């Protein structure tokens, strides 16, 4: 019985957190009415950065996304934007904010397609660096392809920054 004494307040606290999160309602992305259709012969790439980071210290970071080595814009937490590209192969990278990793996502874009790339905080250990003395290494950002189904679920929760 003693073990449940702590479990009930924890459950109530988590439940209130979930309800509070629902109370905020949809963000600007839910009302994206100014999205132009993709031009014929072009491919659209969406860049998403959900704010639910496993490391709260990086919420204020706005890493710069680059395409084939050329910066196209920064992406604060909780935002999304898109850019249209001619068909071809593109290498997407993101400013590391920690140890450089060489991590990139190379995507072959075809006309009329939509690709979703998530900007995510990743552990340095996942990128091959040893952990620091306290079990913490200077982590970094990465860019990862996201499934269309997952991206469609996230888009309404993000603040839309338009085309870049």
Protein backbone atom coordinates (compact mmCIF):
# COMPACT_ATOMS: atom_id res chain seq x y z
CA UNK A 1 0.00 0.00 0.00
CA UNK A 2 2.88 2.34 0.81
CA UNK A 3 4.21 2.07 -2.77
CA UNK A 4 0.96 3.46 -4.19
CA UNK A 5 1.11 6.56 -2.00
CA UNK A 6 3.65 8.15 -4.36
CA UNK A 7 2.22 6.70 -7.55
CA UNK A 8 -1.14 8.45 -7.28
CA UNK A 9 0.27 12.03 -7.03
CA UNK A 10 2.69 11.28 -9.88
CA UNK A 11 -0.16 9.99 -12.05
CA UNK A 12 -2.26 13.07 -11.28
CA UNK A 13 0.65 15.37 -12.10
CA UNK A 14 1.26 13.66 -15.44
CA UNK A 15 -2.44 13.77 -16.26
CA UNK A 16 -2.61 17.51 -15.58
CA UNK A 17 0.41 18.02 -17.82
CA UNK A 18 -1.30 16.19 -20.68
CA UNK A 19 -4.53 18.19 -20.26
CA UNK A 20 -2.61 21.47 -20.06
CA UNK A 21 -0.81 20.62 -23.29
CA UNK A 22 -4.16 19.96 -25.02
CA UNK A 23 -5.59 23.26 -23.80
CA UNK A 24 -3.22 25.36 -25.89
CA UNK A 25 -5.07 24.37 -29.05
CA UNK A 26 -3.73 24.45 -32.59
CA UNK A 27 -0.85 26.69 -33.60
CA UNK A 28 -0.30 28.71 -36.73
CA UNK A 29 0.46 25.59 -38.78
CA UNK A 30 -3.08 24.34 -38.32
CA UNK A 31 -4.25 27.35 -40.31
CA UNK A 32 -1.74 27.21 -43.17
CA UNK A 33 -3.79 28.77 -45.91
CA UNK A 34 -1.02 30.54 -47.78
CA UNK A 35 0.80 27.40 -48.98
CA UNK A 36 1.27 27.65 -52.71
CA UNK A 37 1.03 24.43 -54.70
CA UNK A 38 4.33 22.95 -55.82
CA UNK A 39 5.25 24.24 -59.26
CA UNK A 40 5.21 21.64 -62.05
CA UNK A 41 8.55 19.86 -62.33
CA UNK A 42 9.59 20.74 -58.75
CA UNK A 43 9.84 18.78 -55.48
CA UNK A 44 8.95 20.15 -52.06
CA UNK A 45 11.01 19.55 -48.91
CA UNK A 46 9.50 20.31 -45.50
CA UNK A 47 11.83 21.00 -42.57
CA UNK A 48 10.36 20.30 -39.12
CA UNK A 49 11.74 20.79 -35.64
CA UNK A 50 9.32 19.54 -33.00
CA UNK A 51 9.89 21.22 -29.63
CA UNK A 52 9.75 18.03 -27.56
CA UNK A 53 13.52 17.66 -27.22
CA UNK A 54 15.02 15.08 -24.91
CA UNK A 55 17.48 17.77 -23.87
CA UNK A 56 15.68 20.92 -22.70
CA UNK A 57 18.92 22.92 -22.85
CA UNK A 58 18.69 23.13 -26.65
CA UNK A 59 15.20 24.62 -26.93
CA UNK A 60 16.63 28.11 -27.55
CA UNK A 61 19.05 26.91 -30.24
CA UNK A 62 18.14 27.70 -33.85
CA UNK A 63 20.55 25.66 -35.97
CA UNK A 64 21.11 26.61 -39.60
CA UNK A 65 20.12 24.09 -42.26
CA UNK A 66 22.33 23.78 -45.35
CA UNK A 67 21.68 22.20 -48.72
CA UNK A 68 24.73 21.03 -50.66
CA UNK A 69 26.85 23.25 -48.37
CA UNK A 70 24.75 26.41 -48.83
CA UNK A 71 22.75 27.73 -45.84
CA UNK A 72 19.02 28.15 -46.44
CA UNK A 73 17.79 29.22 -43.00
CA UNK A 74 17.62 28.55 -39.30
CA UNK A 75 14.97 26.50 -37.56
CA UNK A 76 13.92 27.33 -34.00
CA UNK A 77 12.25 24.66 -31.88
CA UNK A 78 8.57 24.13 -32.60
CA UNK A 79 8.64 25.44 -36.17
CA UNK A 80 8.47 24.27 -39.77
CA UNK A 81 9.07 25.68 -43.24
CA UNK A 82 9.40 24.37 -46.78
CA UNK A 83 11.50 24.94 -49.85
CA UNK A 84 10.98 23.77 -53.42
CA UNK A 85 13.83 22.17 -55.38
CA UNK A 86 14.43 20.98 -58.92
CA UNK A 87 14.62 17.17 -59.16
CA UNK A 88 18.02 15.76 -58.25
CA UNK A 89 20.20 14.56 -55.41
CA UNK A 90 20.65 16.89 -52.43
CA UNK A 91 22.75 16.64 -49.28
CA UNK A 92 21.08 18.20 -46.23
CA UNK A 93 23.09 19.09 -43.12
CA UNK A 94 22.44 21.10 -39.98
CA UNK A 95 24.71 23.25 -37.82
CA UNK A 96 25.97 20.91 -35.08
CA UNK A 97 25.97 23.19 -31.96
CA UNK A 98 28.36 20.63 -30.48
CA UNK A 99 30.84 18.22 -31.92
CA UNK A 100 30.94 18.16 -35.72
CA UNK A 101 29.75 14.80 -36.97
CA UNK A 102 29.63 14.84 -40.75
CA UNK A 103 26.04 13.61 -40.32
CA UNK A 104 23.94 14.36 -43.38
CA UNK A 105 20.85 13.11 -45.12
CA UNK A 106 21.22 12.71 -48.87
CA UNK A 107 17.86 12.65 -50.61
CA UNK A 108 16.96 11.95 -54.23
CA UNK A 109 14.11 14.31 -55.09
CA UNK A 110 11.64 13.60 -57.90
CA UNK A 111 9.23 16.07 -59.46
CA UNK A 112 5.87 16.31 -57.69
CA UNK A 113 7.05 14.68 -54.44
CA UNK A 114 7.11 15.97 -50.87
CA UNK A 115 9.92 15.00 -48.51
CA UNK A 116 9.96 15.66 -44.76
CA UNK A 117 13.19 16.25 -42.85
CA UNK A 118 13.29 16.48 -39.07
CA UNK A 119 15.93 18.50 -37.28
CA UNK A 120 16.70 16.62 -34.10
CA UNK A 121 19.08 16.78 -31.14
CA UNK A 122 21.25 13.64 -31.21
CA UNK A 123 23.65 12.13 -28.72
CA UNK A 124 27.35 12.45 -29.51
CA UNK A 125 27.71 8.79 -28.52
CA UNK A 126 25.29 7.88 -31.33
CA UNK A 127 27.66 9.65 -33.70
CA UNK A 128 30.73 7.74 -32.50
CA UNK A 129 32.15 10.10 -29.87
CA UNK A 130 32.99 8.75 -26.39
CA UNK A 131 30.87 9.90 -23.46
CA UNK A 132 32.33 12.59 -21.20
CA UNK A 133 33.42 12.02 -17.60
CA UNK A 134 29.88 12.54 -16.24
CA UNK A 135 28.14 10.34 -18.78
CA UNK A 136 27.50 13.36 -20.98
CA UNK A 137 29.18 14.29 -24.21
CA UNK A 138 28.67 17.57 -26.05
CA UNK A 139 25.69 16.51 -28.13
CA UNK A 140 24.77 17.84 -31.54
CA UNK A 141 21.97 18.31 -34.08
CA UNK A 142 21.19 15.98 -36.95
CA UNK A 143 18.84 15.94 -39.92
CA UNK A 144 16.76 12.81 -40.47
CA UNK A 145 14.15 11.78 -43.02
CA UNK A 146 10.70 11.61 -41.44
CA UNK A 147 7.82 9.46 -42.67
CA UNK A 148 4.98 11.44 -44.30
CA UNK A 149 2.49 10.01 -41.79
CA UNK A 150 4.51 11.18 -38.78
CA UNK A 151 5.21 14.56 -40.39
CA UNK A 152 1.50 15.12 -41.07
CA UNK A 153 0.80 14.47 -37.40
CA UNK A 154 3.47 16.99 -36.31
CA UNK A 155 2.74 19.83 -38.78
CA UNK A 156 -0.42 21.11 -37.02
CA UNK A 157 1.54 21.41 -33.75
CA UNK A 158 4.31 23.59 -35.22
CA UNK A 159 4.54 27.29 -36.01
CA UNK A 160 4.64 27.69 -39.78
CA UNK A 161 7.41 29.94 -41.16
CA UNK A 162 6.41 29.76 -44.82
CA UNK A 163 8.63 29.18 -47.82
CA UNK A 164 12.36 29.88 -47.68
